[in-house]
Amino acid sequence: MKSDIHPKYEAVVFNDLASGTQFLTKSTVSSSKTIEWEDGNTYPVIDVEISSESHPFYTGKQRIMDSAGRVERFNARFKGFGGKK
């Protein structure tokens, strides 16, 4: 195998913007933005919009969809199209 072709696998902090949760893990992504972690070391920080702390699948909090209103609007828009004659 060729040497020095793979990205570095280093510790980074992921910052969930939706919940404010931060967690330290290893990844190949890097950032110029840094943060001082609880252990006193400085790590690159990656801002993410959603993680397991804020995703509805993991939290169990689902959004309520207005499906009845959507169906009524669809039928009103396409009332004269198609159908049986």
C-alpha atoms as a PDB file:
ATOM      1  CA  MET A   1       0.000   0.000   0.000  1.00  0.00           C
ATOM      2  CA  LYS A   2       1.054   3.573  -0.553  1.00  0.00           C
ATOM      3  CA  SER A   3       2.102   5.467   2.534  1.00  0.00           C
ATOM      4  CA  ASP A   4       0.836   8.931   3.527  1.00  0.00           C
ATOM      5  CA  ILE A   5      -2.283   8.892   1.325  1.00  0.00           C
ATOM      6  CA  HIS A   6      -4.903   8.477   4.053  1.00  0.00           C
ATOM      7  CA  PRO A   7      -6.298  11.396   6.075  1.00  0.00           C
ATOM      8  CA  LYS A   8      -5.294  11.713   9.715  1.00  0.00           C
ATOM      9  CA  TYR A   9      -7.672  10.143  12.235  1.00  0.00           C
ATOM     10  CA  GLU A  10      -7.635  12.575  15.160  1.00  0.00           C
ATOM     11  CA  ALA A  11      -9.744  13.554  18.143  1.00  0.00           C
ATOM     12  CA  VAL A  12     -12.313  16.287  17.411  1.00  0.00           C
ATOM     13  CA  VAL A  13     -15.234  17.814  19.298  1.00  0.00           C
ATOM     14  CA  PHE A  14     -18.639  17.807  17.619  1.00  0.00           C
ATOM     15  CA  ASN A  15     -20.926  20.635  18.747  1.00  0.00           C
ATOM     16  CA  ASP A  16     -24.672  20.052  18.225  1.00  0.00           C
ATOM     17  CA  LEU A  17     -26.154  23.485  17.504  1.00  0.00           C
ATOM     18  CA  ALA A  18     -29.751  22.344  18.108  1.00  0.00           C
ATOM     19  CA  SER A  19     -29.259  20.974  21.643  1.00  0.00           C
ATOM     20  CA  GLY A  20     -25.979  22.570  22.702  1.00  0.00           C
ATOM     21  CA  THR A  21     -24.446  19.161  23.401  1.00  0.00           C
ATOM     22  CA  GLN A  22     -20.764  18.584  22.713  1.00  0.00           C
ATOM     23  CA  PHE A  23     -18.977  15.252  22.440  1.00  0.00           C
ATOM     24  CA  LEU A  24     -15.398  14.201  21.847  1.00  0.00           C
ATOM     25  CA  THR A  25     -14.687  11.493  19.282  1.00  0.00           C
ATOM     26  CA  LYS A  26     -12.213  10.634  16.546  1.00  0.00           C
ATOM     27  CA  SER A  27     -12.764  11.638  12.932  1.00  0.00           C
ATOM     28  CA  THR A  28     -10.937  12.475   9.720  1.00  0.00           C
ATOM     29  CA  VAL A  29     -12.592  15.906   9.435  1.00  0.00           C
ATOM     30  CA  SER A  30     -10.688  18.913  10.671  1.00  0.00           C
ATOM     31  CA  SER A  31     -11.402  22.534  11.431  1.00  0.00           C
ATOM     32  CA  SER A  32      -9.495  25.726  12.113  1.00  0.00           C
ATOM     33  CA  LYS A  33     -11.921  26.495  14.949  1.00  0.00           C
ATOM     34  CA  THR A  34     -10.755  25.034  18.287  1.00  0.00           C
ATOM     35  CA  ILE A  35     -12.119  24.539  21.792  1.00  0.00           C
ATOM     36  CA  GLU A  36     -10.581  23.660  25.132  1.00  0.00           C
ATOM     37  CA  TRP A  37     -12.106  20.382  26.357  1.00  0.00           C
ATOM     38  CA  GLU A  38     -12.743  19.226  29.945  1.00  0.00           C
ATOM     39  CA  ASP A  39      -9.385  17.414  30.073  1.00  0.00           C
ATOM     40  CA  GLY A  40      -7.493  20.667  29.430  1.00  0.00           C
ATOM     41  CA  ASN A  41      -6.461  19.806  25.861  1.00  0.00           C
ATOM     42  CA  THR A  42      -7.397  21.880  22.815  1.00  0.00           C
ATOM     43  CA  TYR A  43      -9.262  20.104  19.989  1.00  0.00           C
ATOM     44  CA  PRO A  44     -10.734  21.178  16.656  1.00  0.00           C
ATOM     45  CA  VAL A  45     -14.497  21.725  16.886  1.00  0.00           C
ATOM     46  CA  ILE A  46     -17.042  20.843  14.178  1.00  0.00           C
ATOM     47  CA  ASP A  47     -20.507  22.443  14.358  1.00  0.00           C
ATOM     48  CA  VAL A  48     -23.339  20.123  13.324  1.00  0.00           C
ATOM     49  CA  GLU A  49     -26.999  21.049  13.053  1.00  0.00           C
ATOM     50  CA  ILE A  50     -28.337  17.729  14.282  1.00  0.00           C
ATOM     51  CA  SER A  51     -26.974  14.737  16.181  1.00  0.00           C
ATOM     52  CA  SER A  52     -28.364  11.848  18.206  1.00  0.00           C
ATOM     53  CA  GLU A  53     -29.082  14.322  21.038  1.00  0.00           C
ATOM     54  CA  SER A  54     -31.511  16.363  18.912  1.00  0.00           C
ATOM     55  CA  HIS A  55     -32.751  13.991  16.168  1.00  0.00           C
ATOM     56  CA  PRO A  56     -36.443  12.992  16.595  1.00  0.00           C
ATOM     57  CA  PHE A  57     -35.686   9.304  15.966  1.00  0.00           C
ATOM     58  CA  TYR A  58     -33.378   9.118  18.983  1.00  0.00           C
ATOM     59  CA  THR A  59     -35.218  11.553  21.273  1.00  0.00           C
ATOM     60  CA  GLY A  60     -38.721  10.183  20.627  1.00  0.00           C
ATOM     61  CA  LYS A  61     -40.114  13.687  20.074  1.00  0.00           C
ATOM     62  CA  GLN A  62     -41.895  13.773  16.733  1.00  0.00           C
ATOM     63  CA  ARG A  63     -43.363  16.798  14.997  1.00  0.00           C
ATOM     64  CA  ILE A  64     -47.104  16.702  14.418  1.00  0.00           C
ATOM     65  CA  MET A  65     -47.933  17.008  10.735  1.00  0.00           C
ATOM     66  CA  ASP A  66     -51.120  18.645   9.506  1.00  0.00           C
ATOM     67  CA  SER A  67     -52.003  15.872   7.062  1.00  0.00           C
ATOM     68  CA  ALA A  68     -55.716  16.690   6.938  1.00  0.00           C
ATOM     69  CA  GLY A  69     -55.019  20.262   5.861  1.00  0.00           C
ATOM     70  CA  ARG A  70     -52.571  19.077   3.233  1.00  0.00           C
ATOM     71  CA  VAL A  71     -55.053  16.647   1.707  1.00  0.00           C
ATOM     72  CA  GLU A  72     -57.775  19.304   1.586  1.00  0.00           C
ATOM     73  CA  ARG A  73     -55.431  21.802  -0.106  1.00  0.00           C
ATOM     74  CA  PHE A  74     -54.357  19.163  -2.643  1.00  0.00           C
ATOM     75  CA  ASN A  75     -57.963  18.292  -3.495  1.00  0.00           C
ATOM     76  CA  ALA A  76     -58.854  21.991  -3.826  1.00  0.00           C
ATOM     77  CA  ARG A  77     -55.918  22.647  -6.176  1.00  0.00           C
ATOM     78  CA  PHE A  78     -56.523  19.665  -8.444  1.00  0.00           C
ATOM     79  CA  LYS A  79     -60.311  19.473  -8.276  1.00  0.00           C
ATOM     80  CA  GLY A  80     -60.949  19.784 -12.033  1.00  0.00           C
ATOM     81  CA  PHE A  81     -58.121  17.542 -13.270  1.00  0.00           C
ATOM     82  CA  GLY A  82     -58.437  13.881 -14.239  1.00  0.00           C
ATOM     83  CA  GLY A  83     -60.966  11.672 -12.572  1.00  0.00           C
ATOM     84  CA  LYS A  84     -63.739   9.551 -14.057  1.00  0.00           C
ATOM     85  CA  LYS A  85     -66.172  11.052 -16.524  1.00  0.00           C
END
